[in-house]
Amino acid sequence: PIPPQALWTERVPAGVRISWSPARSPDIAGYRVYIGEERGRYTGTRTVVSPVDVGSATGITVDSLEPGRPYVFAVESYDRFGQFSALSRETEVRAGRMDQ
């Protein structure tokens, strides 16, 4: 399978909303979102285990993050045969403040 090609992020209070364009393949069954606190390392956070399987959704809001701290995200797709794509491009965004 191929990974999602476009990712968008939005800061939300104490979190991040990430969404992506669907992978262009008829066999795509779902997506997994990788989250980390350092570029290239998707080891999760204190409150989030990485990766997060979101099924066929094309977005997820990750909350309970430290406001103002940068987080990195990448997404992979998987097909109905259990095969996984390479990771999408990585994106970095700071979690939103509580008073947003």
N, C-alpha and C. Protein backbone atom coordinates (compact mmCIF):
# COMPACT_ATOMS: atom_id res chain seq x y z
N PRO A 1 0.82 -1.21 0.00
CA PRO A 1 0.00 0.00 0.00
C PRO A 1 0.86 1.27 0.00
N ILE A 2 0.25 2.36 -0.36
CA ILE A 2 0.95 3.64 -0.34
C ILE A 2 0.51 4.44 0.88
N PRO A 3 1.39 5.28 1.41
CA PRO A 3 1.02 6.10 2.58
C PRO A 3 0.19 7.30 2.15
N PRO A 4 -0.50 7.92 3.10
CA PRO A 4 -1.18 9.18 2.79
C PRO A 4 -0.15 10.21 2.31
N GLN A 5 -0.55 11.02 1.34
CA GLN A 5 0.38 11.98 0.75
C GLN A 5 0.32 13.36 1.38
N ALA A 6 -0.80 13.76 1.92
CA ALA A 6 -0.94 15.10 2.49
C ALA A 6 -1.41 15.00 3.93
N LEU A 7 -0.71 15.69 4.82
CA LEU A 7 -1.08 15.74 6.24
C LEU A 7 -1.35 17.18 6.63
N TRP A 8 -2.35 17.37 7.49
CA TRP A 8 -2.67 18.68 8.02
C TRP A 8 -2.74 18.58 9.53
N THR A 9 -2.30 19.62 10.21
CA THR A 9 -2.37 19.65 11.67
C THR A 9 -3.05 20.92 12.13
N GLU A 10 -3.65 20.82 13.30
CA GLU A 10 -4.32 21.96 13.91
C GLU A 10 -4.10 21.86 15.41
N ARG A 11 -3.72 22.96 16.02
CA ARG A 11 -3.55 22.98 17.47
C ARG A 11 -4.92 23.08 18.12
N VAL A 12 -5.14 22.25 19.13
CA VAL A 12 -6.35 22.31 19.95
C VAL A 12 -5.90 22.41 21.40
N PRO A 13 -6.78 22.81 22.32
CA PRO A 13 -6.36 22.93 23.72
C PRO A 13 -5.71 21.64 24.23
N ALA A 14 -4.46 21.76 24.68
CA ALA A 14 -3.66 20.64 25.21
C ALA A 14 -3.59 19.47 24.26
N GLY A 15 -3.57 19.77 22.95
CA GLY A 15 -3.50 18.68 22.00
C GLY A 15 -3.28 19.13 20.58
N VAL A 16 -3.43 18.16 19.68
CA VAL A 16 -3.23 18.37 18.25
C VAL A 16 -4.27 17.55 17.50
N ARG A 17 -4.82 18.12 16.45
CA ARG A 17 -5.67 17.38 15.52
C ARG A 17 -4.84 17.17 14.27
N ILE A 18 -4.73 15.92 13.83
CA ILE A 18 -4.02 15.61 12.59
C ILE A 18 -4.99 14.90 11.65
N SER A 19 -4.95 15.30 10.39
CA SER A 19 -5.78 14.65 9.38
C SER A 19 -4.95 14.47 8.12
N TRP A 20 -5.43 13.65 7.22
CA TRP A 20 -4.66 13.34 6.01
C TRP A 20 -5.60 12.98 4.88
N SER A 21 -5.05 13.06 3.68
CA SER A 21 -5.81 12.64 2.51
C SER A 21 -5.79 11.12 2.45
N PRO A 22 -6.88 10.50 2.04
CA PRO A 22 -6.90 9.03 1.97
C PRO A 22 -5.87 8.51 0.97
N ALA A 23 -5.28 7.37 1.27
CA ALA A 23 -4.36 6.73 0.34
C ALA A 23 -5.17 6.24 -0.86
N ARG A 24 -4.62 6.41 -2.03
CA ARG A 24 -5.32 6.06 -3.27
C ARG A 24 -5.09 4.59 -3.63
N SER A 25 -5.87 3.73 -3.01
CA SER A 25 -5.79 2.31 -3.30
C SER A 25 -7.10 1.66 -2.87
N PRO A 26 -7.68 0.81 -3.68
CA PRO A 26 -8.96 0.21 -3.32
C PRO A 26 -8.87 -0.79 -2.16
N ASP A 27 -7.67 -1.26 -1.84
CA ASP A 27 -7.52 -2.27 -0.80
C ASP A 27 -7.19 -1.70 0.58
N ILE A 28 -7.11 -0.37 0.73
CA ILE A 28 -6.76 0.22 2.02
C ILE A 28 -7.85 -0.09 3.04
N ALA A 29 -7.44 -0.62 4.18
CA ALA A 29 -8.38 -0.97 5.25
C ALA A 29 -8.31 0.02 6.40
N GLY A 30 -7.18 0.72 6.56
CA GLY A 30 -7.09 1.65 7.68
C GLY A 30 -5.74 2.33 7.77
N TYR A 31 -5.58 3.04 8.90
CA TYR A 31 -4.38 3.85 9.10
C TYR A 31 -3.89 3.72 10.54
N ARG A 32 -2.57 3.89 10.70
CA ARG A 32 -1.97 3.96 12.03
C ARG A 32 -1.19 5.27 12.11
N VAL A 33 -1.37 5.97 13.23
CA VAL A 33 -0.71 7.26 13.45
C VAL A 33 0.43 7.05 14.44
N TYR A 34 1.62 7.48 14.04
CA TYR A 34 2.80 7.39 14.88
C TYR A 34 3.05 8.75 15.52
N ILE A 35 3.33 8.74 16.82
CA ILE A 35 3.48 9.97 17.60
C ILE A 35 4.77 9.90 18.40
N GLY A 36 5.47 11.02 18.47
CA GLY A 36 6.68 11.06 19.27
C GLY A 36 7.00 12.47 19.72
N GLU A 37 8.07 12.56 20.50
CA GLU A 37 8.50 13.85 21.02
C GLU A 37 9.80 14.32 20.38
N GLU A 38 10.38 13.49 19.50
CA GLU A 38 11.62 13.83 18.79
C GLU A 38 11.47 13.40 17.34
N ARG A 39 12.07 14.17 16.45
CA ARG A 39 12.03 13.83 15.03
C ARG A 39 12.58 12.41 14.80
N GLY A 40 11.82 11.63 14.01
CA GLY A 40 12.26 10.29 13.66
C GLY A 40 12.07 9.24 14.75
N ARG A 41 11.56 9.62 15.91
CA ARG A 41 11.35 8.67 17.02
C ARG A 41 9.89 8.72 17.44
N TYR A 42 9.16 7.68 17.14
CA TYR A 42 7.72 7.63 17.40
C TYR A 42 7.43 6.72 18.58
N THR A 43 7.98 7.08 19.72
CA THR A 43 7.87 6.24 20.91
C THR A 43 6.68 6.62 21.78
N GLY A 44 5.80 7.47 21.29
CA GLY A 44 4.64 7.88 22.06
C GLY A 44 4.99 9.01 23.02
N THR A 45 4.09 9.24 23.97
CA THR A 45 4.26 10.29 24.98
C THR A 45 3.93 9.70 26.34
N ARG A 46 3.95 10.53 27.35
CA ARG A 46 3.55 10.05 28.69
C ARG A 46 2.13 9.49 28.69
N THR A 47 1.27 10.05 27.84
CA THR A 47 -0.15 9.69 27.87
C THR A 47 -0.65 8.95 26.63
N VAL A 48 0.18 8.83 25.60
CA VAL A 48 -0.26 8.22 24.34
C VAL A 48 0.71 7.13 23.92
N VAL A 49 0.18 5.95 23.65
CA VAL A 49 0.98 4.84 23.14
C VAL A 49 0.97 4.92 21.62
N SER A 50 2.15 4.81 21.03
CA SER A 50 2.28 4.90 19.58
C SER A 50 2.64 3.54 19.01
N PRO A 51 2.05 3.15 17.88
CA PRO A 51 1.12 3.88 17.04
C PRO A 51 -0.32 3.72 17.52
N VAL A 52 -1.19 4.60 17.00
CA VAL A 52 -2.62 4.55 17.29
C VAL A 52 -3.32 4.08 16.02
N ASP A 53 -4.04 2.98 16.10
CA ASP A 53 -4.80 2.48 14.96
C ASP A 53 -6.14 3.21 14.95
N VAL A 54 -6.41 3.94 13.86
CA VAL A 54 -7.65 4.72 13.78
C VAL A 54 -8.65 4.10 12.80
N GLY A 55 -8.38 2.87 12.36
CA GLY A 55 -9.28 2.24 11.40
C GLY A 55 -9.33 3.03 10.11
N SER A 56 -10.51 3.18 9.54
CA SER A 56 -10.63 3.86 8.25
C SER A 56 -10.76 5.38 8.37
N ALA A 57 -10.73 5.91 9.59
CA ALA A 57 -10.81 7.37 9.78
C ALA A 57 -9.61 8.05 9.12
N THR A 58 -9.79 9.29 8.71
CA THR A 58 -8.69 10.04 8.11
C THR A 58 -8.30 11.23 8.99
N GLY A 59 -8.44 11.04 10.29
CA GLY A 59 -8.03 12.07 11.23
C GLY A 59 -8.19 11.59 12.66
N ILE A 60 -7.48 12.27 13.56
CA ILE A 60 -7.55 11.93 14.98
C ILE A 60 -7.16 13.18 15.78
N THR A 61 -7.80 13.35 16.91
CA THR A 61 -7.39 14.39 17.85
C THR A 61 -6.65 13.70 18.99
N VAL A 62 -5.43 14.14 19.21
CA VAL A 62 -4.60 13.60 20.29
C VAL A 62 -4.58 14.66 21.38
N ASP A 63 -5.14 14.33 22.54
CA ASP A 63 -5.17 15.31 23.62
C ASP A 63 -4.35 14.83 24.80
N SER A 64 -4.41 15.55 25.88
CA SER A 64 -3.60 15.27 27.08
C SER A 64 -2.10 15.43 26.77
N LEU A 65 -1.79 16.37 25.88
CA LEU A 65 -0.40 16.67 25.57
C LEU A 65 0.02 17.92 26.33
N GLU A 66 1.33 18.10 26.47
CA GLU A 66 1.84 19.26 27.19
C GLU A 66 1.74 20.50 26.29
N PRO A 67 0.95 21.50 26.70
CA PRO A 67 0.78 22.69 25.87
C PRO A 67 2.11 23.35 25.52
N GLY A 68 2.25 23.73 24.24
CA GLY A 68 3.44 24.40 23.76
C GLY A 68 4.60 23.49 23.41
N ARG A 69 4.53 22.25 23.79
CA ARG A 69 5.62 21.30 23.49
C ARG A 69 5.46 20.77 22.06
N PRO A 70 6.57 20.62 21.31
CA PRO A 70 6.47 20.09 19.96
C PRO A 70 6.33 18.56 19.96
N TYR A 71 5.51 18.09 19.04
CA TYR A 71 5.31 16.65 18.84
C TYR A 71 5.43 16.36 17.36
N VAL A 72 5.87 15.14 17.03
CA VAL A 72 6.02 14.73 15.64
C VAL A 72 5.02 13.62 15.34
N PHE A 73 4.54 13.63 14.09
CA PHE A 73 3.54 12.67 13.66
C PHE A 73 3.88 12.15 12.28
N ALA A 74 3.53 10.90 12.03
CA ALA A 74 3.60 10.30 10.70
C ALA A 74 2.47 9.27 10.64
N VAL A 75 2.03 8.96 9.44
CA VAL A 75 0.89 8.05 9.26
C VAL A 75 1.28 6.97 8.26
N GLU A 76 0.82 5.77 8.53
CA GLU A 76 0.97 4.69 7.55
C GLU A 76 -0.41 4.12 7.26
N SER A 77 -0.56 3.57 6.09
CA SER A 77 -1.80 2.89 5.74
C SER A 77 -1.55 1.37 5.78
N TYR A 78 -2.63 0.64 5.90
CA TYR A 78 -2.53 -0.82 5.79
C TYR A 78 -3.69 -1.33 4.96
N ASP A 79 -3.46 -2.44 4.30
CA ASP A 79 -4.49 -2.97 3.42
C ASP A 79 -5.20 -4.17 4.05
N ARG A 80 -6.19 -4.66 3.36
CA ARG A 80 -7.01 -5.77 3.89
C ARG A 80 -6.25 -7.08 3.97
N PHE A 81 -5.03 -7.11 3.42
CA PHE A 81 -4.19 -8.30 3.48
C PHE A 81 -3.20 -8.24 4.63
N GLY A 82 -3.22 -7.12 5.41
CA GLY A 82 -2.33 -6.98 6.55
C GLY A 82 -0.97 -6.39 6.21
N GLN A 83 -0.82 -5.86 5.02
CA GLN A 83 0.45 -5.24 4.62
C GLN A 83 0.42 -3.75 4.98
N PHE A 84 1.59 -3.22 5.40
CA PHE A 84 1.68 -1.82 5.80
C PHE A 84 2.50 -1.03 4.80
N SER A 85 2.16 0.24 4.64
CA SER A 85 2.92 1.13 3.76
C SER A 85 4.14 1.66 4.49
N ALA A 86 4.96 2.39 3.77
CA ALA A 86 6.01 3.19 4.40
C ALA A 86 5.30 4.31 5.15
N LEU A 87 6.01 5.00 6.02
CA LEU A 87 5.42 6.13 6.73
C LEU A 87 5.29 7.33 5.79
N SER A 88 4.28 8.13 6.06
CA SER A 88 4.12 9.40 5.35
C SER A 88 5.26 10.33 5.72
N ARG A 89 5.29 11.49 5.12
CA ARG A 89 6.26 12.49 5.56
C ARG A 89 5.94 12.83 7.02
N GLU A 90 6.95 13.21 7.73
CA GLU A 90 6.79 13.56 9.14
C GLU A 90 6.34 15.02 9.24
N THR A 91 5.48 15.31 10.21
CA THR A 91 5.09 16.68 10.48
C THR A 91 5.27 16.96 11.96
N GLU A 92 5.67 18.17 12.27
CA GLU A 92 5.88 18.56 13.66
C GLU A 92 4.96 19.72 14.00
N VAL A 93 4.35 19.67 15.18
CA VAL A 93 3.45 20.73 15.61
C VAL A 93 3.48 20.82 17.13
N ARG A 94 3.32 22.02 17.64
CA ARG A 94 3.25 22.22 19.09
C ARG A 94 1.82 22.05 19.55
N ALA A 95 1.65 21.39 20.68
CA ALA A 95 0.30 21.22 21.25
C ALA A 95 -0.25 22.58 21.62
N GLY A 96 -1.56 22.71 21.50
CA GLY A 96 -2.22 23.98 21.79
C GLY A 96 -2.23 24.31 23.27
N ARG A 97 -2.40 25.59 23.56
CA ARG A 97 -2.51 26.04 24.94
C ARG A 97 -3.91 25.73 25.46
N MET A 98 -4.04 25.67 26.76
CA MET A 98 -5.34 25.39 27.38
C MET A 98 -6.35 26.52 27.12
N ASP A 99 -5.87 27.74 26.94
CA ASP A 99 -6.77 28.88 26.77
C ASP A 99 -7.10 29.20 25.33
N GLN A 100 -6.84 28.25 24.42
CA GLN A 100 -7.15 28.48 23.00
C GLN A 100 -8.63 28.49 22.78
